[in-house]
Amino acid sequence: TLLQTPNQILQWEFQTLPASKPSLPLRMLKYWVRLKEKYDCPIEQVVIFLKSTRSEKVYTNQLVDTNTSHRYRVIRLWEQDPEQFLANPALLPFATLAFSESPTRLLEQVAAAVDRIEEPLAFTNISACTQLLAGLRFHQRLITELFPEEVMQESVIYQKIIQKGHKLGLLEGKLEGRQEEGYSIVRRLITRRFGSVSDQLLEGIQKLSVAQLEELSEALLDFETVTDIAVWLASHQQ
């Protein structure tokens, strides 16, 4: 989520778990460089971890490598005081994931706060978002007991998810064709830039996903030799 003001950019990165490829610290550095190049203003980066985990990666807030150092802020929701979220209707969905010695009691408090929202559209959408995030922590049965199911179905958030589900069935059928098309485009770019390359390298590229092929097609603009392709490929096949 990117919020731009006249003098600053605030980037929020939401993560359920710390798994990331490339690593989250490297991603945050890449985002910072791109934003700095485009807007040339102060940039504040915040990573918000939603789901409780014991992984040491959620305590990492910087990238340090040779002569490069980049820091960003990390918020672990399960360590946060829920009162700051309960006080603001727009933040109620995050309250479900905040610290509590009695999580069930906390969810009951959130449900009661949502029920007090008078504006109909805000009520349905905040209720839907609250249920979605609560699903990261609570059993569906408990959520259904505290939140009316029909409210969820009326929400534009819920409807958008349903629409995506319908589209997914269509997209899966097209995915294979997109992968073949992406591979063909990347291969033509490589041939035009570097001439012929080894079959082994092409086989590795052919195994990439559509998203990886798109990423490689952009990265090729910065590559100077075939070795750069091999190095990139090795880093994306681990």
Protein backbone atom coordinates (compact mmCIF):
# COMPACT_ATOMS: atom_id res chain seq x y z
CA THR A 1 0.00 0.00 0.00
CA LEU A 2 1.49 3.30 -1.11
CA LEU A 3 0.44 6.65 0.38
CA GLN A 4 1.96 9.75 -1.17
CA THR A 5 1.79 13.17 0.49
CA PRO A 6 3.39 16.39 -0.84
CA ASN A 7 6.61 15.82 1.13
CA GLN A 8 6.80 12.11 1.89
CA ILE A 9 5.87 8.60 0.76
CA LEU A 10 4.63 6.00 3.21
CA GLN A 11 4.84 2.40 2.02
CA TRP A 12 3.01 -0.32 3.95
CA GLU A 13 3.94 -3.92 3.20
CA PHE A 14 1.50 -6.47 4.63
CA GLN A 15 2.75 -10.03 5.15
CA THR A 16 0.96 -13.02 6.67
CA LEU A 17 4.28 -14.83 7.14
CA PRO A 18 7.91 -13.80 6.49
CA ALA A 19 8.43 -16.14 3.51
CA SER A 20 9.55 -14.10 0.52
CA LYS A 21 11.53 -14.56 -2.68
CA PRO A 22 13.67 -12.54 -3.04
CA SER A 23 14.14 -12.02 0.68
CA LEU A 24 11.97 -9.34 2.29
CA PRO A 25 14.93 -7.07 3.22
CA LEU A 26 16.12 -7.13 -0.40
CA ARG A 27 12.60 -6.45 -1.66
CA MET A 28 12.28 -3.45 0.63
CA LEU A 29 15.56 -2.05 -0.68
CA LYS A 30 14.41 -2.55 -4.28
CA TYR A 31 11.12 -0.76 -3.53
CA TRP A 32 12.98 2.11 -1.86
CA VAL A 33 15.33 2.58 -4.82
CA ARG A 34 12.46 2.61 -7.34
CA LEU A 35 10.40 5.05 -5.29
CA LYS A 36 13.40 7.30 -4.68
CA GLU A 37 14.23 7.39 -8.39
CA LYS A 38 10.65 8.24 -9.34
CA TYR A 39 9.63 10.69 -6.61
CA ASP A 40 12.91 11.86 -4.99
CA CYS A 41 11.40 12.52 -1.56
CA PRO A 42 11.68 10.99 1.94
CA ILE A 43 10.31 7.43 2.07
CA GLU A 44 9.07 5.67 5.18
CA GLN A 45 8.71 1.89 4.86
CA VAL A 46 6.72 -0.27 7.29
CA VAL A 47 6.35 -4.05 7.15
CA ILE A 48 3.33 -5.37 9.05
CA PHE A 49 3.28 -9.08 9.91
CA LEU A 50 -0.26 -10.28 10.44
CA LYS A 51 0.07 -13.89 11.56
CA SER A 52 1.90 -14.93 14.72
CA THR A 53 5.07 -16.92 14.11
CA ARG A 54 8.27 -17.80 15.93
CA SER A 55 10.40 -17.24 12.85
CA GLU A 56 13.42 -15.01 13.50
CA LYS A 57 12.75 -13.33 10.15
CA VAL A 58 9.92 -11.24 11.62
CA TYR A 59 12.51 -9.54 13.83
CA THR A 60 14.67 -8.51 10.88
CA ASN A 61 14.32 -4.85 9.98
CA GLN A 62 17.32 -4.19 7.76
CA LEU A 63 19.49 -5.38 4.92
CA VAL A 64 23.23 -5.32 5.55
CA ASP A 65 25.51 -6.49 2.76
CA THR A 66 29.14 -5.43 2.21
CA ASN A 67 28.94 -1.61 2.02
CA THR A 68 25.14 -1.43 1.77
CA SER A 69 22.73 -0.94 4.65
CA HIS A 70 18.99 -0.33 4.45
CA ARG A 71 16.55 -0.11 7.37
CA TYR A 72 12.77 -0.19 7.59
CA ARG A 73 10.21 -0.47 10.38
CA VAL A 74 8.59 -3.77 11.40
CA ILE A 75 5.28 -4.18 13.24
CA ARG A 76 4.23 -7.59 14.58
CA LEU A 77 0.50 -7.30 15.11
CA TRP A 78 0.32 -10.04 17.74
CA GLU A 79 2.51 -7.88 20.00
CA GLN A 80 0.41 -4.70 19.67
CA ASP A 81 -2.02 -3.28 22.22
CA PRO A 82 -5.54 -3.90 20.84
CA GLU A 83 -6.90 -0.69 22.41
CA GLN A 84 -5.32 1.48 19.71
CA PHE A 85 -7.27 -0.49 17.09
CA LEU A 86 -10.51 -0.73 19.06
CA ALA A 87 -10.60 3.07 19.34
CA ASN A 88 -10.86 3.55 15.56
CA PRO A 89 -13.59 1.77 13.52
CA ALA A 90 -11.38 1.69 10.41
CA LEU A 91 -8.73 -0.26 12.34
CA LEU A 92 -11.06 -2.84 13.90
CA PRO A 93 -10.01 -5.63 11.48
CA PHE A 94 -6.43 -5.40 12.83
CA ALA A 95 -7.65 -5.63 16.42
CA THR A 96 -8.52 -9.30 15.85
CA LEU A 97 -4.80 -10.08 15.47
CA ALA A 98 -3.49 -7.93 18.32
CA PHE A 99 -2.10 -9.13 21.66
CA SER A 100 -4.55 -10.67 24.12
CA GLU A 101 -4.38 -13.20 26.92
CA SER A 102 -7.95 -14.11 25.97
CA PRO A 103 -8.23 -14.02 22.15
CA THR A 104 -11.87 -15.15 22.18
CA ARG A 105 -12.79 -12.29 24.49
CA LEU A 106 -10.93 -9.89 22.21
CA LEU A 107 -12.88 -11.10 19.18
CA GLU A 108 -16.12 -10.55 21.11
CA GLN A 109 -15.02 -6.97 21.84
CA VAL A 110 -14.25 -6.39 18.17
CA ALA A 111 -17.61 -7.82 17.10
CA ALA A 112 -19.40 -5.52 19.56
CA ALA A 113 -17.46 -2.51 18.25
CA VAL A 114 -18.30 -3.39 14.65
CA ASP A 115 -21.97 -3.74 15.60
CA ARG A 116 -21.96 -0.14 16.85
CA ILE A 117 -21.02 1.27 13.43
CA GLU A 118 -24.10 3.16 12.22
CA GLU A 119 -23.24 3.97 8.60
CA PRO A 120 -24.49 0.94 6.57
CA LEU A 121 -21.74 0.76 3.94
CA ALA A 122 -18.95 1.21 6.48
CA PHE A 123 -20.58 -1.42 8.69
CA THR A 124 -20.75 -4.08 5.96
CA ASN A 125 -17.24 -3.47 4.63
CA ILE A 126 -15.52 -3.20 8.02
CA SER A 127 -17.39 -6.30 9.18
CA ALA A 128 -16.24 -8.22 6.10
CA CYS A 129 -12.61 -7.11 6.50
CA THR A 130 -12.72 -8.00 10.18
CA GLN A 131 -13.94 -11.51 9.42
CA LEU A 132 -11.30 -12.00 6.74
CA LEU A 133 -8.41 -11.07 9.02
CA ALA A 134 -9.92 -12.91 11.97
CA GLY A 135 -9.71 -16.05 9.82
CA LEU A 136 -5.93 -15.93 10.23
CA ARG A 137 -6.34 -16.58 13.95
CA PHE A 138 -9.78 -17.98 14.78
CA HIS A 139 -11.88 -20.96 13.76
CA GLN A 140 -14.58 -20.20 11.22
CA ARG A 141 -17.30 -21.46 13.56
CA LEU A 142 -16.49 -18.81 16.18
CA ILE A 143 -16.37 -16.06 13.57
CA THR A 144 -19.77 -17.11 12.22
CA GLU A 145 -21.26 -17.05 15.72
CA LEU A 146 -20.17 -13.46 16.29
CA PHE A 147 -20.66 -11.97 12.83
CA PRO A 148 -23.86 -12.33 10.73
CA GLU A 149 -23.05 -14.25 7.57
CA GLU A 150 -25.48 -12.21 5.44
CA VAL A 151 -23.51 -9.05 6.25
CA MET A 152 -20.38 -10.64 4.82
CA GLN A 153 -22.21 -11.54 1.62
CA GLU A 154 -23.47 -7.97 1.16
CA SER A 155 -19.98 -6.49 1.37
CA VAL A 156 -18.25 -5.24 -1.76
CA ILE A 157 -15.07 -6.82 -0.37
CA TYR A 158 -16.72 -10.23 -0.26
CA GLN A 159 -18.24 -9.79 -3.73
CA LYS A 160 -14.84 -8.92 -5.16
CA ILE A 161 -13.37 -12.12 -3.70
CA ILE A 162 -16.20 -14.17 -5.22
CA GLN A 163 -15.63 -12.55 -8.61
CA LYS A 164 -11.93 -13.36 -8.41
CA GLY A 165 -12.83 -16.95 -7.64
CA HIS A 166 -14.92 -17.19 -10.80
CA LYS A 167 -12.19 -15.58 -12.87
CA LEU A 168 -9.60 -17.96 -11.44
CA GLY A 169 -11.29 -20.91 -13.09
CA LEU A 170 -11.00 -19.17 -16.45
CA LEU A 171 -7.45 -17.99 -15.84
CA GLU A 172 -6.19 -21.46 -14.99
CA GLY A 173 -7.15 -22.60 -18.44
CA LYS A 174 -5.25 -19.71 -20.00
CA LEU A 175 -2.21 -19.92 -17.74
CA GLU A 176 -0.40 -22.55 -19.77
CA GLY A 177 -0.86 -20.51 -22.94
CA ARG A 178 0.45 -17.38 -21.18
CA GLN A 179 3.51 -19.28 -19.96
CA GLU A 180 4.31 -20.44 -23.50
CA GLU A 181 3.81 -16.94 -24.86
CA GLY A 182 6.01 -15.45 -22.12
CA TYR A 183 8.77 -17.95 -22.83
CA SER A 184 8.60 -17.18 -26.54
CA ILE A 185 8.93 -13.44 -25.89
CA VAL A 186 11.89 -13.88 -23.52
CA ARG A 187 13.65 -16.20 -25.94
CA ARG A 188 13.30 -13.68 -28.78
CA LEU A 189 14.65 -10.91 -26.54
CA ILE A 190 17.65 -13.03 -25.59
CA THR A 191 18.36 -13.98 -29.20
CA ARG A 192 18.17 -10.38 -30.35
CA ARG A 193 20.42 -9.20 -27.50
CA PHE A 194 22.98 -12.00 -27.17
CA GLY A 195 22.52 -14.35 -30.12
CA SER A 196 22.32 -18.09 -29.54
CA VAL A 197 22.54 -19.48 -25.99
CA SER A 198 22.86 -22.99 -24.60
CA ASP A 199 19.95 -25.43 -24.56
CA GLN A 200 20.50 -25.91 -20.83
CA LEU A 201 19.89 -22.21 -20.21
CA LEU A 202 16.74 -22.24 -22.36
CA GLU A 203 15.42 -25.28 -20.53
CA GLY A 204 15.83 -23.47 -17.23
CA ILE A 205 13.98 -20.44 -18.57
CA GLN A 206 11.17 -22.63 -19.90
CA LYS A 207 10.48 -23.87 -16.34
CA LEU A 208 9.82 -20.35 -15.04
CA SER A 209 6.36 -19.19 -14.06
CA VAL A 210 4.51 -16.45 -15.94
CA ALA A 211 5.42 -13.92 -13.23
CA GLN A 212 9.09 -14.94 -13.33
CA LEU A 213 9.16 -14.68 -17.12
CA GLU A 214 7.75 -11.16 -16.88
CA GLU A 215 10.38 -10.28 -14.28
CA LEU A 216 13.15 -11.72 -16.45
CA SER A 217 11.98 -9.79 -19.52
CA GLU A 218 12.42 -6.56 -17.52
CA ALA A 219 15.73 -7.65 -16.00
CA LEU A 220 17.16 -8.38 -19.47
CA LEU A 221 17.30 -4.64 -20.11
CA ASP A 222 20.07 -4.36 -17.52
CA PHE A 223 22.04 -7.48 -18.43
CA GLU A 224 25.30 -7.14 -20.31
CA THR A 225 26.30 -10.78 -20.87
CA VAL A 226 24.75 -14.25 -21.02
CA THR A 227 26.38 -14.91 -17.66
CA ASP A 228 24.04 -12.32 -16.13
CA ILE A 229 21.10 -14.45 -17.31
CA ALA A 230 22.61 -17.60 -15.80
CA VAL A 231 23.20 -15.87 -12.47
CA TRP A 232 19.65 -14.49 -12.40
CA LEU A 233 18.22 -17.89 -13.30
CA ALA A 234 20.21 -19.64 -10.56
CA SER A 235 18.94 -17.18 -7.95
CA HIS A 236 15.31 -17.77 -8.99
CA GLN A 237 15.43 -21.56 -9.06
CA GLN A 238 16.55 -22.11 -5.46
